[in-house]
Amino acid sequence: MQNKPELPFKDQKPKKFTKSFVIGWIVCFVIAALAGAVVYLTEVSSGQENTNVIWADTLTIPGLLFILSYFVVVVSNAGAFDMLNYSIGLAWNNVFYKRIRDSKYPNSYAEYKELKHGKEKNDVTFILYTGCLFLLIGAIFLVLYYVYR
């Protein structure tokens, strides 16, 4: 018999929805609904008559925007924009401080990365969940449009 490898997260308890997670989800849902309202008003004012198309666009566009925003946050948390952030901050401090080393800005990029990635990252999956929910409902309206046109 072969031994199955142990998963490293086997002993970890699943995370429950925390208060900040629920608040973030509610805020994202409200922002997505407002973005959808803008798309809805644009569709109606442009003369679109098919309600399935209107609702598909109203829900799909904010859904895709939130999904893409989530991926930008994930890539940023992974360090893709660290060099850009450090250099812009360094340039900003060069403008406003005569002696940049008197500021609290890190002396080197290595120190900056160590400080930035030493902190625990916030759970932002509520952005992804909101986007997927809107996209899924929008996809249902899109299917209804193609079935009943």
C-alpha atoms as a PDB file:
ATOM      1  CA  MET A   1       0.000   0.000   0.000  1.00  0.00           C
ATOM      2  CA  GLN A   2       1.155   3.474  -0.789  1.00  0.00           C
ATOM      3  CA  ASN A   3       1.163   6.146   1.843  1.00  0.00           C
ATOM      4  CA  LYS A   4      -0.768   9.214   0.827  1.00  0.00           C
ATOM      5  CA  PRO A   5       1.062  12.474   1.479  1.00  0.00           C
ATOM      6  CA  GLU A   6      -0.343  14.586   4.300  1.00  0.00           C
ATOM      7  CA  LEU A   7      -1.755  17.936   3.328  1.00  0.00           C
ATOM      8  CA  PRO A   8      -0.093  20.864   5.110  1.00  0.00           C
ATOM      9  CA  PHE A   9      -3.430  22.483   5.913  1.00  0.00           C
ATOM     10  CA  LYS A  10      -5.083  19.329   7.245  1.00  0.00           C
ATOM     11  CA  ASP A  11      -4.981  20.437  10.873  1.00  0.00           C
ATOM     12  CA  GLN A  12      -6.158  23.964  10.151  1.00  0.00           C
ATOM     13  CA  LYS A  13      -9.731  24.793  10.946  1.00  0.00           C
ATOM     14  CA  PRO A  14     -11.728  26.376   8.137  1.00  0.00           C
ATOM     15  CA  LYS A  15     -12.031  30.126   8.441  1.00  0.00           C
ATOM     16  CA  LYS A  16     -15.438  31.414   9.321  1.00  0.00           C
ATOM     17  CA  PHE A  17     -16.884  34.523   7.825  1.00  0.00           C
ATOM     18  CA  THR A  18     -15.526  37.313   9.965  1.00  0.00           C
ATOM     19  CA  LYS A  19     -17.231  40.621  10.575  1.00  0.00           C
ATOM     20  CA  SER A  20     -14.796  42.468   8.285  1.00  0.00           C
ATOM     21  CA  PHE A  21     -15.363  39.888   5.544  1.00  0.00           C
ATOM     22  CA  VAL A  22     -19.141  40.341   5.692  1.00  0.00           C
ATOM     23  CA  ILE A  23     -18.841  44.135   5.752  1.00  0.00           C
ATOM     24  CA  GLY A  24     -16.472  44.010   2.771  1.00  0.00           C
ATOM     25  CA  TRP A  25     -18.902  41.781   0.909  1.00  0.00           C
ATOM     26  CA  ILE A  26     -21.803  44.153   1.602  1.00  0.00           C
ATOM     27  CA  VAL A  27     -19.765  47.181   0.490  1.00  0.00           C
ATOM     28  CA  CYS A  28     -18.684  45.391  -2.715  1.00  0.00           C
ATOM     29  CA  PHE A  29     -22.255  44.335  -3.394  1.00  0.00           C
ATOM     30  CA  VAL A  30     -23.513  47.924  -3.025  1.00  0.00           C
ATOM     31  CA  ILE A  31     -20.749  49.277  -5.286  1.00  0.00           C
ATOM     32  CA  ALA A  32     -21.456  46.593  -7.896  1.00  0.00           C
ATOM     33  CA  ALA A  33     -25.178  47.379  -7.707  1.00  0.00           C
ATOM     34  CA  LEU A  34     -24.464  51.082  -8.252  1.00  0.00           C
ATOM     35  CA  ALA A  35     -22.215  50.262 -11.213  1.00  0.00           C
ATOM     36  CA  GLY A  36     -24.971  48.020 -12.548  1.00  0.00           C
ATOM     37  CA  ALA A  37     -27.481  50.846 -12.134  1.00  0.00           C
ATOM     38  CA  VAL A  38     -25.266  53.093 -14.250  1.00  0.00           C
ATOM     39  CA  VAL A  39     -25.052  50.405 -16.942  1.00  0.00           C
ATOM     40  CA  TYR A  40     -28.831  49.863 -16.736  1.00  0.00           C
ATOM     41  CA  LEU A  41     -29.582  53.567 -17.181  1.00  0.00           C
ATOM     42  CA  THR A  42     -27.142  53.752 -20.083  1.00  0.00           C
ATOM     43  CA  GLU A  43     -28.773  50.771 -21.790  1.00  0.00           C
ATOM     44  CA  VAL A  44     -32.296  52.110 -21.302  1.00  0.00           C
ATOM     45  CA  SER A  45     -31.404  55.612 -22.478  1.00  0.00           C
ATOM     46  CA  SER A  46     -29.717  54.218 -25.604  1.00  0.00           C
ATOM     47  CA  GLY A  47     -32.970  52.596 -26.680  1.00  0.00           C
ATOM     48  CA  GLN A  48     -32.267  48.934 -25.981  1.00  0.00           C
ATOM     49  CA  GLU A  49     -35.612  47.162 -25.901  1.00  0.00           C
ATOM     50  CA  ASN A  50     -34.741  43.571 -24.985  1.00  0.00           C
ATOM     51  CA  THR A  51     -34.866  43.234 -21.202  1.00  0.00           C
ATOM     52  CA  ASN A  52     -32.669  40.122 -21.146  1.00  0.00           C
ATOM     53  CA  VAL A  53     -29.873  42.011 -22.903  1.00  0.00           C
ATOM     54  CA  ILE A  54     -30.265  44.944 -20.525  1.00  0.00           C
ATOM     55  CA  TRP A  55     -30.078  42.730 -17.432  1.00  0.00           C
ATOM     56  CA  ALA A  56     -27.238  40.630 -18.844  1.00  0.00           C
ATOM     57  CA  ASP A  57     -25.152  43.758 -19.437  1.00  0.00           C
ATOM     58  CA  THR A  58     -26.224  45.284 -16.120  1.00  0.00           C
ATOM     59  CA  LEU A  59     -24.949  42.291 -14.151  1.00  0.00           C
ATOM     60  CA  THR A  60     -22.093  41.031 -16.323  1.00  0.00           C
ATOM     61  CA  ILE A  61     -20.099  44.259 -16.607  1.00  0.00           C
ATOM     62  CA  PRO A  62     -19.773  44.930 -12.843  1.00  0.00           C
ATOM     63  CA  GLY A  63     -19.144  41.211 -12.302  1.00  0.00           C
ATOM     64  CA  LEU A  64     -16.224  41.171 -14.721  1.00  0.00           C
ATOM     65  CA  LEU A  65     -14.851  44.416 -13.279  1.00  0.00           C
ATOM     66  CA  PHE A  66     -14.868  42.967  -9.770  1.00  0.00           C
ATOM     67  CA  ILE A  67     -13.271  39.697 -10.854  1.00  0.00           C
ATOM     68  CA  LEU A  68     -10.502  41.568 -12.665  1.00  0.00           C
ATOM     69  CA  SER A  69     -10.068  43.905  -9.680  1.00  0.00           C
ATOM     70  CA  TYR A  70      -9.619  40.881  -7.435  1.00  0.00           C
ATOM     71  CA  PHE A  71      -6.868  39.536  -9.675  1.00  0.00           C
ATOM     72  CA  VAL A  72      -5.093  42.919  -9.658  1.00  0.00           C
ATOM     73  CA  VAL A  73      -5.180  42.871  -5.843  1.00  0.00           C
ATOM     74  CA  VAL A  74      -3.808  39.307  -5.776  1.00  0.00           C
ATOM     75  CA  VAL A  75      -0.983  40.182  -8.165  1.00  0.00           C
ATOM     76  CA  SER A  76      -0.222  43.317  -6.165  1.00  0.00           C
ATOM     77  CA  ASN A  77      -0.121  41.340  -2.919  1.00  0.00           C
ATOM     78  CA  ALA A  78       2.304  38.938  -4.575  1.00  0.00           C
ATOM     79  CA  GLY A  79       4.702  41.838  -5.150  1.00  0.00           C
ATOM     80  CA  ALA A  80       4.252  42.643  -8.823  1.00  0.00           C
ATOM     81  CA  PHE A  81       4.138  46.403  -8.209  1.00  0.00           C
ATOM     82  CA  ASP A  82       6.603  46.652  -5.317  1.00  0.00           C
ATOM     83  CA  MET A  83       9.421  48.218  -7.328  1.00  0.00           C
ATOM     84  CA  LEU A  84       7.062  50.810  -8.789  1.00  0.00           C
ATOM     85  CA  ASN A  85       5.618  51.655  -5.353  1.00  0.00           C
ATOM     86  CA  TYR A  86       9.066  51.982  -3.814  1.00  0.00           C
ATOM     87  CA  SER A  87      10.444  54.189  -6.583  1.00  0.00           C
ATOM     88  CA  ILE A  88       7.413  56.502  -6.588  1.00  0.00           C
ATOM     89  CA  GLY A  89       7.561  56.806  -2.811  1.00  0.00           C
ATOM     90  CA  LEU A  90      11.283  57.514  -2.968  1.00  0.00           C
ATOM     91  CA  ALA A  91      10.755  60.192  -5.626  1.00  0.00           C
ATOM     92  CA  TRP A  92       7.949  61.737  -3.546  1.00  0.00           C
ATOM     93  CA  ASN A  93      10.168  61.882  -0.469  1.00  0.00           C
ATOM     94  CA  ASN A  94      13.028  63.368  -2.518  1.00  0.00           C
ATOM     95  CA  VAL A  95      10.763  66.247  -3.464  1.00  0.00           C
ATOM     96  CA  PHE A  96       9.498  67.034   0.033  1.00  0.00           C
ATOM     97  CA  TYR A  97      12.466  66.149   2.291  1.00  0.00           C
ATOM     98  CA  LYS A  98      15.862  67.807   2.123  1.00  0.00           C
ATOM     99  CA  ARG A  99      17.427  64.799   3.767  1.00  0.00           C
ATOM    100  CA  ILE A 100      15.531  61.728   2.658  1.00  0.00           C
ATOM    101  CA  ARG A 101      17.126  59.526   5.291  1.00  0.00           C
ATOM    102  CA  ASP A 102      15.497  61.696   7.968  1.00  0.00           C
ATOM    103  CA  SER A 103      12.125  60.411   6.803  1.00  0.00           C
ATOM    104  CA  LYS A 104      10.732  57.077   7.950  1.00  0.00           C
ATOM    105  CA  TYR A 105      11.025  55.639   4.444  1.00  0.00           C
ATOM    106  CA  PRO A 106      13.125  52.428   4.190  1.00  0.00           C
ATOM    107  CA  ASN A 107      16.748  52.937   3.176  1.00  0.00           C
ATOM    108  CA  SER A 108      16.762  50.205   0.549  1.00  0.00           C
ATOM    109  CA  TYR A 109      14.378  48.271  -1.632  1.00  0.00           C
ATOM    110  CA  ALA A 110      15.210  45.091   0.277  1.00  0.00           C
ATOM    111  CA  GLU A 111      14.081  46.720   3.538  1.00  0.00           C
ATOM    112  CA  TYR A 112      10.932  47.948   1.815  1.00  0.00           C
ATOM    113  CA  LYS A 113      10.065  44.437   0.586  1.00  0.00           C
ATOM    114  CA  GLU A 114      10.784  42.988   4.004  1.00  0.00           C
ATOM    115  CA  LEU A 115       8.483  45.502   5.685  1.00  0.00           C
ATOM    116  CA  LYS A 116       5.757  45.152   3.086  1.00  0.00           C
ATOM    117  CA  HIS A 117       5.663  41.361   2.938  1.00  0.00           C
ATOM    118  CA  GLY A 118       6.179  40.853   6.640  1.00  0.00           C
ATOM    119  CA  LYS A 119       2.611  41.903   7.339  1.00  0.00           C
ATOM    120  CA  GLU A 120      -0.318  39.518   7.121  1.00  0.00           C
ATOM    121  CA  LYS A 121      -2.465  40.041   4.037  1.00  0.00           C
ATOM    122  CA  ASN A 122      -6.154  40.794   4.326  1.00  0.00           C
ATOM    123  CA  ASP A 123      -8.633  38.313   2.913  1.00  0.00           C
ATOM    124  CA  VAL A 124     -10.206  40.001  -0.109  1.00  0.00           C
ATOM    125  CA  THR A 125     -12.022  37.042  -1.620  1.00  0.00           C
ATOM    126  CA  PHE A 126     -15.290  38.879  -1.053  1.00  0.00           C
ATOM    127  CA  ILE A 127     -14.389  40.895  -4.162  1.00  0.00           C
ATOM    128  CA  LEU A 128     -14.149  37.670  -6.163  1.00  0.00           C
ATOM    129  CA  TYR A 129     -17.365  36.266  -4.681  1.00  0.00           C
ATOM    130  CA  THR A 130     -19.300  39.441  -5.497  1.00  0.00           C
ATOM    131  CA  GLY A 131     -17.973  39.472  -9.048  1.00  0.00           C
ATOM    132  CA  CYS A 132     -18.773  35.790  -9.576  1.00  0.00           C
ATOM    133  CA  LEU A 133     -22.300  36.245  -8.228  1.00  0.00           C
ATOM    134  CA  PHE A 134     -23.018  39.140 -10.576  1.00  0.00           C
ATOM    135  CA  LEU A 135     -21.382  37.361 -13.512  1.00  0.00           C
ATOM    136  CA  LEU A 136     -23.346  34.168 -12.884  1.00  0.00           C
ATOM    137  CA  ILE A 137     -26.696  35.951 -12.739  1.00  0.00           C
ATOM    138  CA  GLY A 138     -25.746  37.979 -15.834  1.00  0.00           C
ATOM    139  CA  ALA A 139     -24.837  34.770 -17.659  1.00  0.00           C
ATOM    140  CA  ILE A 140     -28.285  33.365 -16.820  1.00  0.00           C
ATOM    141  CA  PHE A 141     -29.908  36.402 -18.446  1.00  0.00           C
ATOM    142  CA  LEU A 142     -27.606  35.994 -21.452  1.00  0.00           C
ATOM    143  CA  VAL A 143     -28.663  32.365 -21.854  1.00  0.00           C
ATOM    144  CA  LEU A 144     -32.305  33.435 -21.568  1.00  0.00           C
ATOM    145  CA  TYR A 145     -31.719  35.973 -24.323  1.00  0.00           C
ATOM    146  CA  TYR A 146     -30.262  33.379 -26.702  1.00  0.00           C
ATOM    147  CA  VAL A 147     -32.963  30.826 -25.876  1.00  0.00           C
ATOM    148  CA  TYR A 148     -35.972  33.145 -26.231  1.00  0.00           C
ATOM    149  CA  ARG A 149     -35.016  35.608 -28.922  1.00  0.00           C
END
